[in-house]
Amino acid sequence: MKLYATNIPQVLPDWATVISNNAGLIEVEINDESPSFHSVLEELATEIQPGVVGVKAGDLCKRLSIEMVDSNEKNDNQNEIHNCIC
């Protein structure tokens, strides 16, 4: 699995690797076979809709310390927009 962000922390979990950083878009590869990653998924899993359990992209990004804001809003702390796309 891959996710794309404009800002990531300097240190990522062992199951996440930066693949590229082009024009400010950072591509992160997630080793979805890692037991550590599965533990995180189990912790973050919620009922997304009746009968469907999963992990929201925003929750995963928050766990990775990637700030996710609405593209129409300004981040008052850094005056930048940070998005996470999974």
PDB file of N, CA and C in Angstrom:
ATOM      1  N   MET A   1       0.848  -1.162   0.000  1.00  0.00           N
ATOM      2  CA  MET A   1       0.000   0.000   0.000  1.00  0.00           C
ATOM      3  C   MET A   1       0.896   1.228   0.000  1.00  0.00           C
ATOM      4  N   LYS A   2       0.436   2.286  -0.651  1.00  0.00           N
ATOM      5  CA  LYS A   2       1.179   3.532  -0.691  1.00  0.00           C
ATOM      6  C   LYS A   2       0.306   4.654  -0.172  1.00  0.00           C
ATOM      7  N   LEU A   3       0.948   5.651   0.380  1.00  0.00           N
ATOM      8  CA  LEU A   3       0.247   6.865   0.717  1.00  0.00           C
ATOM      9  C   LEU A   3       1.085   8.032   0.231  1.00  0.00           C
ATOM     10  N   TYR A   4       0.424   9.143  -0.022  1.00  0.00           N
ATOM     11  CA  TYR A   4       1.082  10.332  -0.542  1.00  0.00           C
ATOM     12  C   TYR A   4       0.810  11.489   0.405  1.00  0.00           C
ATOM     13  N   ALA A   5       1.833  12.267   0.700  1.00  0.00           N
ATOM     14  CA  ALA A   5       1.706  13.373   1.638  1.00  0.00           C
ATOM     15  C   ALA A   5       2.601  14.528   1.212  1.00  0.00           C
ATOM     16  N   THR A   6       2.348  15.675   1.786  1.00  0.00           N
ATOM     17  CA  THR A   6       3.208  16.822   1.535  1.00  0.00           C
ATOM     18  C   THR A   6       4.126  17.093   2.707  1.00  0.00           C
ATOM     19  N   ASN A   7       3.884  16.411   3.832  1.00  0.00           N
ATOM     20  CA  ASN A   7       4.713  16.600   5.016  1.00  0.00           C
ATOM     21  C   ASN A   7       4.669  15.319   5.850  1.00  0.00           C
ATOM     22  N   ILE A   8       5.839  14.826   6.231  1.00  0.00           N
ATOM     23  CA  ILE A   8       5.917  13.626   7.075  1.00  0.00           C
ATOM     24  C   ILE A   8       6.951  13.856   8.168  1.00  0.00           C
ATOM     25  N   PRO A   9       6.876  13.084   9.255  1.00  0.00           N
ATOM     26  CA  PRO A   9       7.896  13.227  10.296  1.00  0.00           C
ATOM     27  C   PRO A   9       9.241  12.672   9.811  1.00  0.00           C
ATOM     28  N   GLN A  10      10.309  13.082  10.457  1.00  0.00           N
ATOM     29  CA  GLN A  10      11.644  12.616  10.065  1.00  0.00           C
ATOM     30  C   GLN A  10      11.814  11.123  10.293  1.00  0.00           C
ATOM     31  N   VAL A  11      11.172  10.596  11.342  1.00  0.00           N
ATOM     32  CA  VAL A  11      11.296   9.178  11.665  1.00  0.00           C
ATOM     33  C   VAL A  11       9.943   8.503  11.442  1.00  0.00           C
ATOM     34  N   LEU A  12       9.941   7.488  10.589  1.00  0.00           N
ATOM     35  CA  LEU A  12       8.738   6.708  10.313  1.00  0.00           C
ATOM     36  C   LEU A  12       8.856   5.338  10.964  1.00  0.00           C
ATOM     37  N   PRO A  13       7.739   4.647  11.185  1.00  0.00           N
ATOM     38  CA  PRO A  13       7.808   3.279  11.716  1.00  0.00           C
ATOM     39  C   PRO A  13       8.573   2.371  10.748  1.00  0.00           C
ATOM     40  N   ASP A  14       9.036   1.234  11.237  1.00  0.00           N
ATOM     41  CA  ASP A  14       9.824   0.316  10.398  1.00  0.00           C
ATOM     42  C   ASP A  14       9.027  -0.249   9.235  1.00  0.00           C
ATOM     43  N   TRP A  15       7.710  -0.152   9.273  1.00  0.00           N
ATOM     44  CA  TRP A  15       6.871  -0.670   8.193  1.00  0.00           C
ATOM     45  C   TRP A  15       6.540   0.384   7.143  1.00  0.00           C
ATOM     46  N   ALA A  16       7.093   1.602   7.283  1.00  0.00           N
ATOM     47  CA  ALA A  16       6.857   2.681   6.331  1.00  0.00           C
ATOM     48  C   ALA A  16       8.191   3.176   5.769  1.00  0.00           C
ATOM     49  N   THR A  17       8.278   3.287   4.444  1.00  0.00           N
ATOM     50  CA  THR A  17       9.506   3.708   3.777  1.00  0.00           C
ATOM     51  C   THR A  17       9.199   4.784   2.748  1.00  0.00           C
ATOM     52  N   VAL A  18       9.997   5.858   2.756  1.00  0.00           N
ATOM     53  CA  VAL A  18       9.840   6.895   1.738  1.00  0.00           C
ATOM     54  C   VAL A  18      10.400   6.356   0.428  1.00  0.00           C
ATOM     55  N   ILE A  19       9.571   6.354  -0.611  1.00  0.00           N
ATOM     56  CA  ILE A  19       9.961   5.875  -1.936  1.00  0.00           C
ATOM     57  C   ILE A  19      10.461   7.024  -2.798  1.00  0.00           C
ATOM     58  N   SER A  20       9.767   8.155  -2.738  1.00  0.00           N
ATOM     59  CA  SER A  20      10.188   9.312  -3.533  1.00  0.00           C
ATOM     60  C   SER A  20       9.686  10.594  -2.888  1.00  0.00           C
ATOM     61  N   ASN A  21      10.327  11.677  -3.279  1.00  0.00           N
ATOM     62  CA  ASN A  21       9.938  13.007  -2.825  1.00  0.00           C
ATOM     63  C   ASN A  21      10.137  13.937  -4.012  1.00  0.00           C
ATOM     64  N   ASN A  22       9.088  14.071  -4.821  1.00  0.00           N
ATOM     65  CA  ASN A  22       9.160  14.863  -6.041  1.00  0.00           C
ATOM     66  C   ASN A  22       8.214  16.050  -5.965  1.00  0.00           C
ATOM     67  N   ALA A  23       8.741  17.220  -6.162  1.00  0.00           N
ATOM     68  CA  ALA A  23       7.955  18.457  -6.185  1.00  0.00           C
ATOM     69  C   ALA A  23       7.081  18.598  -4.944  1.00  0.00           C
ATOM     70  N   GLY A  24       7.615  18.180  -3.805  1.00  0.00           N
ATOM     71  CA  GLY A  24       6.881  18.324  -2.556  1.00  0.00           C
ATOM     72  C   GLY A  24       5.858  17.251  -2.269  1.00  0.00           C
ATOM     73  N   LEU A  25       5.687  16.288  -3.182  1.00  0.00           N
ATOM     74  CA  LEU A  25       4.774  15.174  -2.944  1.00  0.00           C
ATOM     75  C   LEU A  25       5.601  13.964  -2.532  1.00  0.00           C
ATOM     76  N   ILE A  26       5.398  13.499  -1.317  1.00  0.00           N
ATOM     77  CA  ILE A  26       6.180  12.408  -0.750  1.00  0.00           C
ATOM     78  C   ILE A  26       5.388  11.114  -0.874  1.00  0.00           C
ATOM     79  N   GLU A  27       6.016  10.112  -1.490  1.00  0.00           N
ATOM     80  CA  GLU A  27       5.389   8.804  -1.653  1.00  0.00           C
ATOM     81  C   GLU A  27       5.952   7.868  -0.584  1.00  0.00           C
ATOM     82  N   VAL A  28       5.068   7.284   0.214  1.00  0.00           N
ATOM     83  CA  VAL A  28       5.462   6.388   1.297  1.00  0.00           C
ATOM     84  C   VAL A  28       4.893   5.007   1.020  1.00  0.00           C
ATOM     85  N   GLU A  29       5.761   4.008   1.021  1.00  0.00           N
ATOM     86  CA  GLU A  29       5.357   2.608   0.835  1.00  0.00           C
ATOM     87  C   GLU A  29       5.121   1.994   2.206  1.00  0.00           C
ATOM     88  N   ILE A  30       3.965   1.344   2.366  1.00  0.00           N
ATOM     89  CA  ILE A  30       3.613   0.673   3.615  1.00  0.00           C
ATOM     90  C   ILE A  30       3.763  -0.830   3.414  1.00  0.00           C
ATOM     91  N   ASN A  31       4.548  -1.471   4.271  1.00  0.00           N
ATOM     92  CA  ASN A  31       4.670  -2.935   4.236  1.00  0.00           C
ATOM     93  C   ASN A  31       3.458  -3.502   4.960  1.00  0.00           C
ATOM     94  N   ASP A  32       2.417  -3.823   4.194  1.00  0.00           N
ATOM     95  CA  ASP A  32       1.174  -4.280   4.809  1.00  0.00           C
ATOM     96  C   ASP A  32       1.241  -5.717   5.304  1.00  0.00           C
ATOM     97  N   GLU A  33       2.398  -6.352   5.186  1.00  0.00           N
ATOM     98  CA  GLU A  33       2.572  -7.698   5.741  1.00  0.00           C
ATOM     99  C   GLU A  33       3.272  -7.662   7.105  1.00  0.00           C
ATOM    100  N   SER A  34       3.683  -6.492   7.535  1.00  0.00           N
ATOM    101  CA  SER A  34       4.385  -6.344   8.814  1.00  0.00           C
ATOM    102  C   SER A  34       3.429  -6.564   9.988  1.00  0.00           C
ATOM    103  N   PRO A  35       3.837  -7.405  10.951  1.00  0.00           N
ATOM    104  CA  PRO A  35       3.006  -7.596  12.147  1.00  0.00           C
ATOM    105  C   PRO A  35       2.786  -6.288  12.912  1.00  0.00           C
ATOM    106  N   SER A  36       3.766  -5.411  12.921  1.00  0.00           N
ATOM    107  CA  SER A  36       3.621  -4.119  13.606  1.00  0.00           C
ATOM    108  C   SER A  36       2.536  -3.278  12.942  1.00  0.00           C
ATOM    109  N   PHE A  37       2.499  -3.304  11.609  1.00  0.00           N
ATOM    110  CA  PHE A  37       1.473  -2.562  10.881  1.00  0.00           C
ATOM    111  C   PHE A  37       0.093  -3.137  11.176  1.00  0.00           C
ATOM    112  N   HIS A  38      -0.014  -4.464  11.228  1.00  0.00           N
ATOM    113  CA  HIS A  38      -1.297  -5.103  11.532  1.00  0.00           C
ATOM    114  C   HIS A  38      -1.778  -4.730  12.936  1.00  0.00           C
ATOM    115  N   SER A  39      -0.841  -4.597  13.879  1.00  0.00           N
ATOM    116  CA  SER A  39      -1.213  -4.175  15.236  1.00  0.00           C
ATOM    117  C   SER A  39      -1.811  -2.777  15.219  1.00  0.00           C
ATOM    118  N   VAL A  40      -1.208  -1.882  14.414  1.00  0.00           N
ATOM    119  CA  VAL A  40      -1.726  -0.521  14.300  1.00  0.00           C
ATOM    120  C   VAL A  40      -3.123  -0.542  13.690  1.00  0.00           C
ATOM    121  N   LEU A  41      -3.302  -1.354  12.642  1.00  0.00           N
ATOM    122  CA  LEU A  41      -4.616  -1.453  12.011  1.00  0.00           C
ATOM    123  C   LEU A  41      -5.672  -1.938  13.003  1.00  0.00           C
ATOM    124  N   GLU A  42      -5.314  -2.918  13.814  1.00  0.00           N
ATOM    125  CA  GLU A  42      -6.255  -3.438  14.807  1.00  0.00           C
ATOM    126  C   GLU A  42      -6.639  -2.357  15.814  1.00  0.00           C
ATOM    127  N   GLU A  43      -5.657  -1.535  16.219  1.00  0.00           N
ATOM    128  CA  GLU A  43      -5.928  -0.456  17.162  1.00  0.00           C
ATOM    129  C   GLU A  43      -6.835   0.614  16.556  1.00  0.00           C
ATOM    130  N   LEU A  44      -6.654   0.890  15.265  1.00  0.00           N
ATOM    131  CA  LEU A  44      -7.374   1.979  14.607  1.00  0.00           C
ATOM    132  C   LEU A  44      -8.709   1.566  13.991  1.00  0.00           C
ATOM    133  N   ALA A  45      -8.959   0.276  13.886  1.00  0.00           N
ATOM    134  CA  ALA A  45     -10.163  -0.213  13.214  1.00  0.00           C
ATOM    135  C   ALA A  45     -11.429   0.268  13.916  1.00  0.00           C
ATOM    136  N   THR A  46     -12.363   0.761  13.105  1.00  0.00           N
ATOM    137  CA  THR A  46     -13.659   1.210  13.606  1.00  0.00           C
ATOM    138  C   THR A  46     -14.732   0.780  12.613  1.00  0.00           C
ATOM    139  N   GLU A  47     -15.962   0.861  13.038  1.00  0.00           N
ATOM    140  CA  GLU A  47     -17.069   0.566  12.124  1.00  0.00           C
ATOM    141  C   GLU A  47     -17.305   1.814  11.269  1.00  0.00           C
ATOM    142  N   ILE A  48     -16.920   1.743  10.013  1.00  0.00           N
ATOM    143  CA  ILE A  48     -17.007   2.880   9.103  1.00  0.00           C
ATOM    144  C   ILE A  48     -18.456   3.134   8.711  1.00  0.00           C
ATOM    145  N   GLN A  49     -19.172   2.073   8.468  1.00  0.00           N
ATOM    146  CA  GLN A  49     -20.613   2.138   8.231  1.00  0.00           C
ATOM    147  C   GLN A  49     -21.174   0.833   8.784  1.00  0.00           C
ATOM    148  N   PRO A  50     -22.471   0.731   8.970  1.00  0.00           N
ATOM    149  CA  PRO A  50     -23.023  -0.482   9.584  1.00  0.00           C
ATOM    150  C   PRO A  50     -22.529  -1.763   8.899  1.00  0.00           C
ATOM    151  N   GLY A  51     -21.872  -2.604   9.692  1.00  0.00           N
ATOM    152  CA  GLY A  51     -21.391  -3.890   9.195  1.00  0.00           C
ATOM    153  C   GLY A  51     -20.045  -3.845   8.484  1.00  0.00           C
ATOM    154  N   VAL A  52     -19.455  -2.662   8.335  1.00  0.00           N
ATOM    155  CA  VAL A  52     -18.165  -2.538   7.644  1.00  0.00           C
ATOM    156  C   VAL A  52     -17.138  -1.976   8.621  1.00  0.00           C
ATOM    157  N   VAL A  53     -16.114  -2.780   8.909  1.00  0.00           N
ATOM    158  CA  VAL A  53     -15.039  -2.358   9.804  1.00  0.00           C
ATOM    159  C   VAL A  53     -13.809  -2.076   8.968  1.00  0.00           C
ATOM    160  N   GLY A  54     -13.144  -0.969   9.255  1.00  0.00           N
ATOM    161  CA  GLY A  54     -11.943  -0.605   8.513  1.00  0.00           C
ATOM    162  C   GLY A  54     -11.184   0.488   9.234  1.00  0.00           C
ATOM    163  N   VAL A  55     -10.181   1.025   8.541  1.00  0.00           N
ATOM    164  CA  VAL A  55      -9.355   2.093   9.086  1.00  0.00           C
ATOM    165  C   VAL A  55      -9.481   3.296   8.169  1.00  0.00           C
ATOM    166  N   LYS A  56      -9.800   4.433   8.730  1.00  0.00           N
ATOM    167  CA  LYS A  56      -9.911   5.660   7.953  1.00  0.00           C
ATOM    168  C   LYS A  56      -8.516   6.186   7.630  1.00  0.00           C
ATOM    169  N   ALA A  57      -8.344   6.699   6.421  1.00  0.00           N
ATOM    170  CA  ALA A  57      -7.052   7.250   5.996  1.00  0.00           C
ATOM    171  C   ALA A  57      -6.589   8.329   6.965  1.00  0.00           C
ATOM    172  N   GLY A  58      -7.505   9.159   7.426  1.00  0.00           N
ATOM    173  CA  GLY A  58      -7.147  10.229   8.354  1.00  0.00           C
ATOM    174  C   GLY A  58      -6.593   9.707   9.662  1.00  0.00           C
ATOM    175  N   ASP A  59      -7.157   8.586  10.153  1.00  0.00           N
ATOM    176  CA  ASP A  59      -6.657   7.997  11.394  1.00  0.00           C
ATOM    177  C   ASP A  59      -5.256   7.437  11.217  1.00  0.00           C
ATOM    178  N   LEU A  60      -5.000   6.801  10.067  1.00  0.00           N
ATOM    179  CA  LEU A  60      -3.668   6.265   9.796  1.00  0.00           C
ATOM    180  C   LEU A  60      -2.659   7.402   9.661  1.00  0.00           C
ATOM    181  N   CYS A  61      -3.040   8.464   8.969  1.00  0.00           N
ATOM    182  CA  CYS A  61      -2.146   9.616   8.811  1.00  0.00           C
ATOM    183  C   CYS A  61      -1.839  10.255  10.165  1.00  0.00           C
ATOM    184  N   LYS A  62      -2.846  10.338  11.014  1.00  0.00           N
ATOM    185  CA  LYS A  62      -2.629  10.906  12.345  1.00  0.00           C
ATOM    186  C   LYS A  62      -1.631  10.047  13.123  1.00  0.00           C
ATOM    187  N   ARG A  63      -1.765   8.730  13.020  1.00  0.00           N
ATOM    188  CA  ARG A  63      -0.837   7.822  13.704  1.00  0.00           C
ATOM    189  C   ARG A  63       0.595   8.018  13.201  1.00  0.00           C
ATOM    190  N   LEU A  64       0.728   8.334  11.905  1.00  0.00           N
ATOM    191  CA  LEU A  64       2.053   8.568  11.312  1.00  0.00           C
ATOM    192  C   LEU A  64       2.538  10.003  11.535  1.00  0.00           C
ATOM    193  N   SER A  65       1.740  10.808  12.238  1.00  0.00           N
ATOM    194  CA  SER A  65       2.053  12.225  12.482  1.00  0.00           C
ATOM    195  C   SER A  65       2.077  13.045  11.210  1.00  0.00           C
ATOM    196  N   ILE A  66       1.208  12.688  10.279  1.00  0.00           N
ATOM    197  CA  ILE A  66       1.022  13.470   9.063  1.00  0.00           C
ATOM    198  C   ILE A  66      -0.258  14.266   9.267  1.00  0.00           C
ATOM    199  N   GLU A  67      -0.136  15.574   9.254  1.00  0.00           N
ATOM    200  CA  GLU A  67      -1.312  16.405   9.493  1.00  0.00           C
ATOM    201  C   GLU A  67      -2.196  16.419   8.264  1.00  0.00           C
ATOM    202  N   MET A  68      -3.460  16.180   8.473  1.00  0.00           N
ATOM    203  CA  MET A  68      -4.420  16.146   7.372  1.00  0.00           C
ATOM    204  C   MET A  68      -5.439  17.240   7.592  1.00  0.00           C
ATOM    205  N   VAL A  69      -5.510  18.194   6.660  1.00  0.00           N
ATOM    206  CA  VAL A  69      -6.479  19.282   6.756  1.00  0.00           C
ATOM    207  C   VAL A  69      -7.247  19.386   5.458  1.00  0.00           C
ATOM    208  N   ASP A  70      -8.381  20.034   5.524  1.00  0.00           N
ATOM    209  CA  ASP A  70      -9.186  20.277   4.327  1.00  0.00           C
ATOM    210  C   ASP A  70      -8.404  21.187   3.388  1.00  0.00           C
ATOM    211  N   SER A  71      -8.392  20.859   2.112  1.00  0.00           N
ATOM    212  CA  SER A  71      -7.601  21.628   1.146  1.00  0.00           C
ATOM    213  C   SER A  71      -8.104  23.067   1.002  1.00  0.00           C
ATOM    214  N   ASN A  72      -9.288  23.365   1.517  1.00  0.00           N
ATOM    215  CA  ASN A  72      -9.819  24.723   1.449  1.00  0.00           C
ATOM    216  C   ASN A  72      -9.496  25.541   2.693  1.00  0.00           C
ATOM    217  N   GLU A  73      -8.879  24.885   3.699  1.00  0.00           N
ATOM    218  CA  GLU A  73      -8.561  25.577   4.944  1.00  0.00           C
ATOM    219  C   GLU A  73      -7.073  25.823   5.043  1.00  0.00           C
ATOM    220  N   LYS A  74      -6.710  26.810   5.825  1.00  0.00           N
ATOM    221  CA  LYS A  74      -5.309  27.140   6.060  1.00  0.00           C
ATOM    222  C   LYS A  74      -4.908  26.585   7.417  1.00  0.00           C
ATOM    223  N   ASN A  75      -3.730  26.013   7.500  1.00  0.00           N
ATOM    224  CA  ASN A  75      -3.198  25.521   8.765  1.00  0.00           C
ATOM    225  C   ASN A  75      -2.615  26.727   9.491  1.00  0.00           C
ATOM    226  N   ASP A  76      -3.251  27.154  10.579  1.00  0.00           N
ATOM    227  CA  ASP A  76      -2.808  28.354  11.283  1.00  0.00           C
ATOM    228  C   ASP A  76      -1.411  28.230  11.856  1.00  0.00           C
ATOM    229  N   ASN A  77      -0.971  27.018  12.184  1.00  0.00           N
ATOM    230  CA  ASN A  77       0.352  26.845  12.791  1.00  0.00           C
ATOM    231  C   ASN A  77       1.479  26.978  11.783  1.00  0.00           C
ATOM    232  N   GLN A  78       1.301  26.512  10.565  1.00  0.00           N
ATOM    233  CA  GLN A  78       2.402  26.478   9.617  1.00  0.00           C
ATOM    234  C   GLN A  78       2.097  27.185   8.303  1.00  0.00           C
ATOM    235  N   ASN A  79       0.881  27.706   8.152  1.00  0.00           N
ATOM    236  CA  ASN A  79       0.486  28.394   6.922  1.00  0.00           C
ATOM    237  C   ASN A  79       0.695  27.540   5.680  1.00  0.00           C
ATOM    238  N   GLU A  80       0.553  26.234   5.819  1.00  0.00           N
ATOM    239  CA  GLU A  80       0.679  25.313   4.699  1.00  0.00           C
ATOM    240  C   GLU A  80      -0.473  24.333   4.735  1.00  0.00           C
ATOM    241  N   ILE A  81      -0.713  23.704   3.612  1.00  0.00           N
ATOM    242  CA  ILE A  81      -1.723  22.651   3.537  1.00  0.00           C
ATOM    243  C   ILE A  81      -0.999  21.311   3.533  1.00  0.00           C
ATOM    244  N   HIS A  82      -1.406  20.381   4.372  1.00  0.00           N
ATOM    245  CA  HIS A  82      -0.826  19.044   4.432  1.00  0.00           C
ATOM    246  C   HIS A  82      -1.931  18.036   4.161  1.00  0.00           C
ATOM    247  N   ASN A  83      -1.769  17.220   3.162  1.00  0.00           N
ATOM    248  CA  ASN A  83      -2.776  16.234   2.812  1.00  0.00           C
ATOM    249  C   ASN A  83      -2.202  14.836   2.873  1.00  0.00           C
ATOM    250  N   CYS A  84      -3.037  13.896   3.179  1.00  0.00           N
ATOM    251  CA  CYS A  84      -2.669  12.486   3.164  1.00  0.00           C
ATOM    252  C   CYS A  84      -3.648  11.776   2.265  1.00  0.00           C
ATOM    253  N   ILE A  85      -3.146  11.091   1.256  1.00  0.00           N
ATOM    254  CA  ILE A  85      -3.988  10.347   0.329  1.00  0.00           C
ATOM    255  C   ILE A  85      -3.549   8.896   0.388  1.00  0.00           C
ATOM    256  N   CYS A  86      -4.453   8.030   0.761  1.00  0.00           N
ATOM    257  CA  CYS A  86      -4.103   6.605   0.804  1.00  0.00           C
ATOM    258  C   CYS A  86      -4.791   5.869  -0.315  1.00  0.00           C
TER     259      CYS A  86
END
